[in-house]
Amino acid sequence: MAIRNNDAVIVGVGQTEISKQSGRSELQLAAEASLLALNDAGIAPEDVDGMITYTIDNNDEVGLCRCLGVKDLKYTVRVPQGGGGSVVTIFQAMAAVKSGVADVVLIWRAMNERSQYRFGRPVPAGRIPVGGGSTFMEWAMPFGAQSPGSWEALVAQAYMKKYGVTNADFGMVSVLLRKHAATNPAAWFYKKPITIDDHQNSRWIAAPVLRLLDCCQESDGGVAIVVTRMDRARDLKQKPVKIHGAVHTMLPNHEIITNYYHSQDLTRAALSETVTKRLKKTARIAPAETQVAMIYDNFTPQIFTQLEGFGYCKRGEAKDYIAGGNLELYGKSPLSPNGGHIGEGYIHGMNLISEGVRQARGTAVNQVKNVETVFLGSGVSGAIIGVV
């Protein structure tokens, strides 16, 4: 593909250690990750003129600017949807630099999800829920649907019934991601693979759908990404990773995790299907045509529905696609070689993006061979990236 001066490229990634007790503030984690990313790129903090994070990040832009030494912001935005919006940050950064609204955009997410608070705990009806202002909460809370695990289980149970999938089938994802994490020194579960028996012996979270090992981790840590234009990237430290295309969708009545109301078929990942169509048009590369799949794994059933929605296999075929070894490091579509949220840690999708960049650069610990492009997917959003 031709390279243009205004093409958006990723030039820096930074990631703190992933832990259960960081021992420092979320602002410090954000600053550390940001400095790591800027140093990785070879860009001074005073050159940053755009910032992007999540609506639910507890850090303040002014505070982070003060910590880093950022002088003047032209552009700042926060994206909703929690981790589902992780790849939306790439879409927003791409749009900002390609349009000239900003020259150097810093994306960050930092949280003490395990040590400071327990993410996803039930909240009283009427309060803003995790991930934004979805309205279904006032109807769900009184009837016991009070946490992300319960919301996921309601949808996944419909999928299980329609396609004859069992919880043991979901366990294949956990075993795979823990296998990848076991050879990643940065992963919380480094050197700790599991078997399907381990998965089946873990306690129920929402029977008969989710066991403990079907759920992502609760983690402390921070990740940052630096995006700029190709004309500014040519003389930087790293070989730039081009954003071939990034898209976002929000269909009517969309809700976080659940989507109970926007579709008559809860087994269908309509959002991911829309993302796939748009990516084929804008990037001219389908997710399944890439060499690495970094797909959001908050719960194992999400991998099943997203594989189908993003076009890796047909509807109802995810179980066989996974069982066929396609997601292994040597397979057709290696899934999250870092171990993903289940194996490495849960920094709300951002550590999947940083791993995707490393895979594209060819510098990952569990490096997939002959990587030209990487797919970043988080349900409502997707991006294709690759080294130019």
Protein backbone atom coordinates (compact mmCIF):
# COMPACT_ATOMS: atom_id res chain seq x y z
CA MET A 1 0.00 0.00 0.00
CA ALA A 2 1.15 3.54 -0.73
CA ILE A 3 2.40 5.52 2.26
CA ARG A 4 1.21 9.11 2.58
CA ASN A 5 2.57 11.81 4.85
CA ASN A 6 -0.73 12.17 6.69
CA ASP A 7 -1.16 8.45 7.36
CA ALA A 8 -1.70 7.76 11.07
CA VAL A 9 0.97 5.60 12.67
CA ILE A 10 1.68 4.18 16.12
CA VAL A 11 5.20 5.11 17.17
CA GLY A 12 5.33 4.36 20.89
CA VAL A 13 3.98 1.90 23.45
CA GLY A 14 4.48 1.85 27.19
CA GLN A 15 3.26 -0.59 29.80
CA THR A 16 3.87 -0.82 33.54
CA GLU A 17 4.10 -4.13 35.30
CA ILE A 18 0.76 -5.86 35.81
CA SER A 19 0.03 -6.66 39.44
CA LYS A 20 -2.63 -7.07 42.07
CA GLN A 21 -1.09 -4.39 44.31
CA SER A 22 0.71 -1.61 42.46
CA GLY A 23 1.56 0.32 45.61
CA ARG A 24 1.11 3.68 43.90
CA SER A 25 -1.61 5.96 42.63
CA GLU A 26 -3.44 5.55 39.34
CA LEU A 27 -2.04 8.93 38.27
CA GLN A 28 1.50 7.68 38.81
CA LEU A 29 0.72 4.55 36.78
CA ALA A 30 -0.63 6.73 33.96
CA ALA A 31 2.45 8.95 34.05
CA GLU A 32 4.85 6.00 34.10
CA ALA A 33 3.16 4.28 31.16
CA SER A 34 3.02 7.56 29.24
CA LEU A 35 6.70 8.31 29.75
CA LEU A 36 7.58 4.77 28.69
CA ALA A 37 5.56 5.21 25.50
CA LEU A 38 7.03 8.64 24.73
CA ASN A 39 10.56 7.40 25.38
CA ASP A 40 9.87 4.38 23.19
CA ALA A 41 8.90 6.75 20.39
CA GLY A 42 11.63 9.30 21.01
CA ILE A 43 9.12 12.11 21.48
CA ALA A 44 9.35 14.76 24.20
CA PRO A 45 6.29 15.32 26.42
CA GLU A 46 6.07 18.96 25.32
CA ASP A 47 5.38 17.74 21.76
CA VAL A 48 2.14 16.02 22.84
CA ASP A 49 -0.87 18.09 21.77
CA GLY A 50 -3.63 15.49 21.96
CA MET A 51 -4.84 13.12 24.71
CA ILE A 52 -7.37 10.30 24.73
CA THR A 53 -8.58 8.05 27.52
CA TYR A 54 -11.81 6.46 28.77
CA THR A 55 -14.80 8.11 30.41
CA ILE A 56 -14.18 5.86 33.41
CA ASP A 57 -10.46 6.55 33.82
CA ASN A 58 -9.99 8.20 37.22
CA ASN A 59 -7.08 10.38 36.11
CA ASP A 60 -7.43 14.01 35.12
CA GLU A 61 -5.93 15.34 31.89
CA VAL A 62 -4.64 18.47 33.61
CA GLY A 63 -3.00 16.39 36.32
CA LEU A 64 -1.32 14.11 33.81
CA CYS A 65 -0.14 17.10 31.74
CA ARG A 66 1.39 18.53 34.90
CA CYS A 67 3.16 15.25 35.66
CA LEU A 68 4.54 14.83 32.16
CA GLY A 69 5.33 18.42 31.24
CA VAL A 70 2.81 18.67 28.39
CA LYS A 71 2.57 22.36 27.44
CA ASP A 72 -0.49 22.83 25.23
CA LEU A 73 -3.32 20.48 24.25
CA LYS A 74 -5.21 21.10 21.02
CA TYR A 75 -7.40 18.04 21.39
CA THR A 76 -8.69 15.88 24.21
CA VAL A 77 -11.49 13.34 24.32
CA ARG A 78 -12.79 10.47 26.45
CA VAL A 79 -14.44 7.42 24.93
CA PRO A 80 -17.34 5.48 26.50
CA GLN A 81 -18.10 1.75 26.64
CA GLY A 82 -15.32 0.73 29.00
CA GLY A 83 -12.95 -1.81 27.50
CA GLY A 84 -15.18 -2.27 24.49
CA GLY A 85 -14.10 1.23 23.56
CA SER A 86 -10.39 0.41 23.73
CA VAL A 87 -9.89 0.27 19.97
CA VAL A 88 -12.12 3.35 19.66
CA THR A 89 -9.14 5.26 21.08
CA ILE A 90 -7.12 4.20 18.03
CA PHE A 91 -9.96 5.33 15.76
CA GLN A 92 -10.12 8.71 17.50
CA ALA A 93 -6.35 9.20 17.42
CA MET A 94 -6.21 8.28 13.74
CA ALA A 95 -8.94 10.78 12.93
CA ALA A 96 -7.23 13.53 14.93
CA VAL A 97 -3.80 13.24 13.33
CA LYS A 98 -4.98 12.58 9.77
CA SER A 99 -7.21 15.65 9.90
CA GLY A 100 -4.49 17.83 11.40
CA VAL A 101 -6.47 18.55 14.55
CA ALA A 102 -3.50 17.22 16.55
CA ASP A 103 0.05 16.21 15.70
CA VAL A 104 1.00 13.84 18.52
CA VAL A 105 -1.74 12.02 20.42
CA LEU A 106 -1.13 10.21 23.70
CA ILE A 107 -3.62 7.47 24.62
CA TRP A 108 -3.60 6.11 28.15
CA ARG A 109 -5.50 3.89 30.57
CA ALA A 110 -4.39 3.33 34.15
CA MET A 111 -6.17 1.68 37.04
CA ASN A 112 -5.79 0.02 40.41
CA GLU A 113 -8.68 -2.27 39.60
CA ARG A 114 -7.69 -4.92 42.12
CA SER A 115 -6.08 -3.07 45.01
CA GLN A 116 -8.08 0.17 45.08
CA TYR A 117 -11.54 -1.08 44.16
CA ARG A 118 -13.19 -4.21 42.81
CA PHE A 119 -14.16 -3.41 39.24
CA GLY A 120 -17.63 -4.55 38.17
CA ARG A 121 -19.16 -4.59 41.64
CA PRO A 122 -22.92 -4.02 41.75
CA VAL A 123 -24.04 -0.42 42.10
CA PRO A 124 -27.41 0.90 43.28
CA ALA A 125 -30.07 1.39 40.61
CA GLY A 126 -30.04 4.91 39.24
CA ARG A 127 -26.28 5.37 39.53
CA ILE A 128 -24.08 5.48 36.44
CA PRO A 129 -22.89 1.91 35.78
CA VAL A 130 -19.45 0.68 34.84
CA GLY A 131 -18.51 1.86 31.37
CA GLY A 132 -20.90 4.77 30.96
CA GLY A 133 -24.53 5.76 31.19
CA SER A 134 -26.42 2.73 29.89
CA THR A 135 -30.04 2.83 30.99
CA PHE A 136 -30.91 -0.85 31.26
CA MET A 137 -29.38 -0.98 34.76
CA GLU A 138 -32.48 0.34 36.48
CA TRP A 139 -34.42 -2.62 35.06
CA ALA A 140 -31.73 -5.24 35.60
CA MET A 141 -30.52 -4.53 39.13
CA PRO A 142 -33.72 -5.40 41.05
CA PHE A 143 -33.81 -8.81 39.39
CA GLY A 144 -30.24 -9.84 40.20
CA ALA A 145 -28.42 -8.94 36.97
CA GLN A 146 -25.95 -6.84 38.93
CA SER A 147 -22.51 -7.48 37.49
CA PRO A 148 -20.74 -7.94 34.14
CA GLY A 149 -20.58 -11.69 34.73
CA SER A 150 -24.33 -11.97 35.10
CA TRP A 151 -24.95 -9.79 32.03
CA GLU A 152 -22.58 -11.90 29.95
CA ALA A 153 -24.14 -15.14 31.17
CA LEU A 154 -27.61 -14.13 30.03
CA VAL A 155 -26.44 -13.57 26.47
CA ALA A 156 -24.03 -16.51 26.36
CA GLN A 157 -26.68 -18.96 27.55
CA ALA A 158 -28.72 -18.21 24.44
CA TYR A 159 -25.65 -18.93 22.31
CA MET A 160 -24.99 -22.20 24.15
CA LYS A 161 -28.55 -23.40 23.64
CA LYS A 162 -28.67 -22.53 19.95
CA TYR A 163 -25.34 -24.09 18.98
CA GLY A 164 -24.91 -26.88 21.53
CA VAL A 165 -21.92 -25.29 23.23
CA THR A 166 -20.91 -26.24 26.77
CA ASN A 167 -18.91 -24.51 29.45
CA ALA A 168 -16.10 -26.98 28.75
CA ASP A 169 -16.01 -25.64 25.19
CA PHE A 170 -15.57 -22.13 26.56
CA GLY A 171 -12.71 -23.53 28.62
CA MET A 172 -10.66 -24.05 25.45
CA VAL A 173 -10.13 -20.28 25.33
CA SER A 174 -8.90 -20.14 28.92
CA VAL A 175 -6.49 -23.02 28.40
CA LEU A 176 -5.12 -21.42 25.23
CA LEU A 177 -4.61 -17.95 26.71
CA ARG A 178 -3.01 -19.34 29.88
CA LYS A 179 -0.69 -21.36 27.63
CA HIS A 180 0.40 -18.15 25.88
CA ALA A 181 0.76 -16.30 29.19
CA ALA A 182 2.92 -19.08 30.61
CA THR A 183 5.77 -18.10 28.28
CA ASN A 184 5.32 -14.33 28.68
CA PRO A 185 7.40 -12.97 31.59
CA ALA A 186 5.20 -9.84 31.76
CA ALA A 187 2.05 -11.91 32.37
CA TRP A 188 0.57 -12.37 35.82
CA PHE A 189 0.17 -16.07 35.02
CA TYR A 190 3.72 -16.53 33.73
CA LYS A 191 4.75 -20.19 34.08
CA LYS A 192 1.21 -21.07 35.19
CA PRO A 193 -0.60 -22.91 32.39
CA ILE A 194 -3.85 -24.73 33.11
CA THR A 195 -5.64 -27.80 31.80
CA ILE A 196 -9.27 -28.19 30.87
CA ASP A 197 -9.70 -30.12 34.13
CA ASP A 198 -8.40 -27.09 36.04
CA HIS A 199 -10.97 -24.99 34.23
CA GLN A 200 -13.80 -27.40 34.94
CA ASN A 201 -12.86 -27.59 38.61
CA SER A 202 -12.89 -23.82 39.10
CA ARG A 203 -15.93 -22.48 40.92
CA TRP A 204 -19.06 -21.28 39.21
CA ILE A 205 -19.59 -17.56 38.81
CA ALA A 206 -22.85 -17.81 36.85
CA ALA A 207 -23.87 -21.41 36.28
CA PRO A 208 -24.12 -23.02 33.77
CA VAL A 209 -22.20 -20.46 31.71
CA LEU A 210 -19.23 -18.92 33.50
CA ARG A 211 -16.68 -20.40 35.84
CA LEU A 212 -13.96 -18.40 37.56
CA LEU A 213 -11.48 -19.28 34.81
CA ASP A 214 -13.84 -17.96 32.15
CA CYS A 215 -13.38 -14.44 33.51
CA CYS A 216 -10.66 -11.90 32.88
CA GLN A 217 -8.40 -10.84 35.71
CA GLU A 218 -8.64 -7.91 38.08
CA SER A 219 -5.39 -6.03 37.62
CA ASP A 220 -3.41 -2.94 38.56
CA GLY A 221 -1.37 -1.28 35.85
CA GLY A 222 -1.15 1.26 33.05
CA VAL A 223 -0.67 1.26 29.29
CA ALA A 224 -0.04 4.15 26.90
CA ILE A 225 0.14 4.46 23.12
CA VAL A 226 1.55 7.31 21.00
CA VAL A 227 0.03 8.08 17.59
CA THR A 228 1.28 10.62 15.07
CA ARG A 229 1.48 11.16 11.30
CA MET A 230 3.90 9.48 8.94
CA ASP A 231 5.65 12.76 8.10
CA ARG A 232 6.62 13.16 11.77
CA ALA A 233 7.42 9.48 12.27
CA ARG A 234 10.16 9.00 9.70
CA ASP A 235 12.97 10.17 11.98
CA LEU A 236 11.74 8.66 15.25
CA LYS A 237 13.24 5.74 17.17
CA GLN A 238 10.82 3.00 16.12
CA LYS A 239 9.70 1.78 12.75
CA PRO A 240 6.16 3.16 12.53
CA VAL A 241 3.16 0.85 12.68
CA LYS A 242 0.56 2.11 10.25
CA ILE A 243 -3.11 2.21 11.13
CA HIS A 244 -4.45 0.81 7.86
CA GLY A 245 -7.99 1.40 9.06
CA ALA A 246 -9.95 1.85 12.28
CA VAL A 247 -13.73 1.96 12.71
CA HIS A 248 -16.37 2.29 15.40
CA THR A 249 -20.07 1.51 15.52
CA MET A 250 -22.88 2.04 17.99
CA LEU A 251 -26.17 0.53 16.86
CA PRO A 252 -29.56 1.62 18.27
CA ASN A 253 -30.22 0.45 21.84
CA HIS A 254 -26.64 -0.69 22.30
CA GLU A 255 -25.72 -1.58 25.87
CA ILE A 256 -22.47 -2.51 27.57
CA ILE A 257 -21.82 -6.28 27.21
CA THR A 258 -25.50 -7.12 26.98
CA ASN A 259 -27.17 -5.66 23.89
CA TYR A 260 -30.43 -7.11 25.14
CA TYR A 261 -32.51 -4.59 23.23
CA HIS A 262 -30.82 -3.83 19.93
CA SER A 263 -31.24 -7.29 18.39
CA GLN A 264 -33.82 -10.04 18.25
CA ASP A 265 -30.96 -12.58 18.14
CA LEU A 266 -28.70 -12.46 21.19
CA THR A 267 -26.39 -15.07 19.66
CA ARG A 268 -25.29 -12.71 16.91
CA ALA A 269 -22.49 -10.15 17.27
CA ALA A 270 -24.16 -7.55 15.06
CA LEU A 271 -21.77 -4.82 16.16
CA SER A 272 -18.73 -6.86 15.15
CA GLU A 273 -20.34 -7.70 11.83
CA THR A 274 -20.78 -3.99 11.13
CA VAL A 275 -17.18 -3.28 12.15
CA THR A 276 -15.98 -5.99 9.77
CA LYS A 277 -17.88 -4.55 6.82
CA ARG A 278 -16.48 -1.09 7.47
CA LEU A 279 -12.91 -2.36 7.89
CA LYS A 280 -13.05 -4.22 4.60
CA LYS A 281 -14.07 -0.97 2.94
CA THR A 282 -11.64 1.40 4.68
CA ALA A 283 -8.57 -0.80 5.29
CA ARG A 284 -9.24 -3.19 2.40
CA ILE A 285 -8.15 -5.95 4.75
CA ALA A 286 -10.54 -8.26 6.58
CA PRO A 287 -9.79 -9.20 10.20
CA ALA A 288 -9.38 -12.86 9.24
CA GLU A 289 -6.76 -11.93 6.64
CA THR A 290 -4.34 -10.66 9.30
CA GLN A 291 -1.70 -12.82 10.97
CA VAL A 292 -2.56 -12.05 14.62
CA ALA A 293 -5.93 -11.60 16.34
CA MET A 294 -5.97 -9.36 19.42
CA ILE A 295 -9.62 -9.79 20.41
CA TYR A 296 -11.11 -8.49 23.65
CA ASP A 297 -11.50 -11.35 26.13
CA ASN A 298 -13.37 -10.09 29.17
CA PHE A 299 -15.19 -13.45 29.22
CA THR A 300 -14.52 -16.58 27.18
CA PRO A 301 -17.92 -16.58 25.37
CA GLN A 302 -17.01 -13.20 23.90
CA ILE A 303 -14.26 -14.86 21.88
CA PHE A 304 -16.80 -17.25 20.36
CA THR A 305 -19.23 -14.56 19.24
CA GLN A 306 -16.53 -12.12 18.14
CA LEU A 307 -14.74 -14.75 16.05
CA GLU A 308 -17.99 -15.21 14.18
CA GLY A 309 -18.86 -11.52 14.03
CA PHE A 310 -15.42 -10.54 12.77
CA GLY A 311 -15.60 -13.18 10.05
CA TYR A 312 -13.06 -15.75 11.18
CA CYS A 313 -15.69 -18.44 10.87
CA LYS A 314 -19.41 -18.75 10.22
CA ARG A 315 -22.04 -18.40 12.92
CA GLY A 316 -22.08 -21.41 15.22
CA GLU A 317 -18.65 -22.59 14.05
CA ALA A 318 -16.40 -20.94 16.65
CA LYS A 319 -16.18 -24.09 18.78
CA ASP A 320 -14.79 -26.12 15.88
CA TYR A 321 -12.56 -23.25 14.75
CA ILE A 322 -10.92 -23.10 18.17
CA ALA A 323 -10.72 -26.88 18.59
CA GLY A 324 -8.99 -27.08 15.20
CA GLY A 325 -5.95 -25.21 16.58
CA ASN A 326 -6.51 -22.06 14.54
CA LEU A 327 -5.87 -19.77 17.53
CA GLU A 328 -2.56 -21.38 18.52
CA LEU A 329 0.69 -19.48 17.91
CA TYR A 330 1.28 -21.69 14.88
CA GLY A 331 -2.34 -21.56 13.74
CA LYS A 332 -4.20 -19.60 11.10
CA SER A 333 -5.29 -16.83 13.50
CA PRO A 334 -3.07 -16.73 16.61
CA LEU A 335 -5.07 -15.21 19.46
CA SER A 336 -3.45 -12.79 21.91
CA PRO A 337 0.08 -14.25 22.09
CA ASN A 338 0.66 -12.27 25.30
CA GLY A 339 -2.08 -14.25 27.06
CA GLY A 340 -4.78 -11.62 26.72
CA HIS A 341 -6.86 -10.40 29.63
CA ILE A 342 -7.30 -13.89 30.98
CA GLY A 343 -3.59 -14.72 31.02
CA GLU A 344 -1.51 -11.55 31.02
CA GLY A 345 -3.73 -9.04 32.82
CA TYR A 346 -6.73 -6.79 32.36
CA ILE A 347 -5.89 -3.20 31.48
CA HIS A 348 -9.19 -2.68 29.72
CA GLY A 349 -8.08 -3.69 26.24
CA MET A 350 -5.01 -1.48 26.15
CA ASN A 351 -2.50 -4.27 26.80
CA LEU A 352 -3.98 -6.06 23.79
CA ILE A 353 -3.16 -3.00 21.67
CA SER A 354 0.40 -2.76 22.99
CA GLU A 355 0.93 -6.45 22.23
CA GLY A 356 -0.50 -5.94 18.75
CA VAL A 357 2.08 -3.22 18.12
CA ARG A 358 4.91 -5.46 19.34
CA GLN A 359 3.71 -8.26 17.09
CA ALA A 360 3.66 -5.88 14.12
CA ARG A 361 7.17 -4.69 14.97
CA GLY A 362 8.41 -8.26 15.35
CA THR A 363 9.60 -7.67 18.93
CA ALA A 364 7.04 -9.66 20.97
CA VAL A 365 8.09 -12.36 23.42
CA ASN A 366 5.79 -14.91 21.80
CA GLN A 367 6.40 -13.59 18.32
CA VAL A 368 4.23 -14.97 15.54
CA LYS A 369 6.13 -15.64 12.32
CA ASN A 370 5.81 -13.48 9.22
CA VAL A 371 3.46 -10.86 10.65
CA GLU A 372 2.39 -8.24 8.15
CA THR A 373 -0.85 -7.07 9.73
CA VAL A 374 -2.56 -7.40 13.11
CA PHE A 375 -6.25 -7.14 13.94
CA LEU A 376 -7.32 -5.22 17.05
CA GLY A 377 -10.93 -5.97 17.99
CA SER A 378 -13.13 -4.93 20.89
CA GLY A 379 -16.67 -5.70 19.78
CA VAL A 380 -17.85 -2.21 18.88
CA SER A 381 -14.57 -1.24 17.25
CA GLY A 382 -11.75 -2.67 15.19
CA ALA A 383 -8.47 -1.69 13.58
CA ILE A 384 -5.94 -3.19 11.21
CA ILE A 385 -2.33 -2.24 11.89
CA GLY A 386 0.99 -3.23 10.34
CA VAL A 387 4.60 -2.15 9.94
CA VAL A 388 5.19 -0.05 6.82
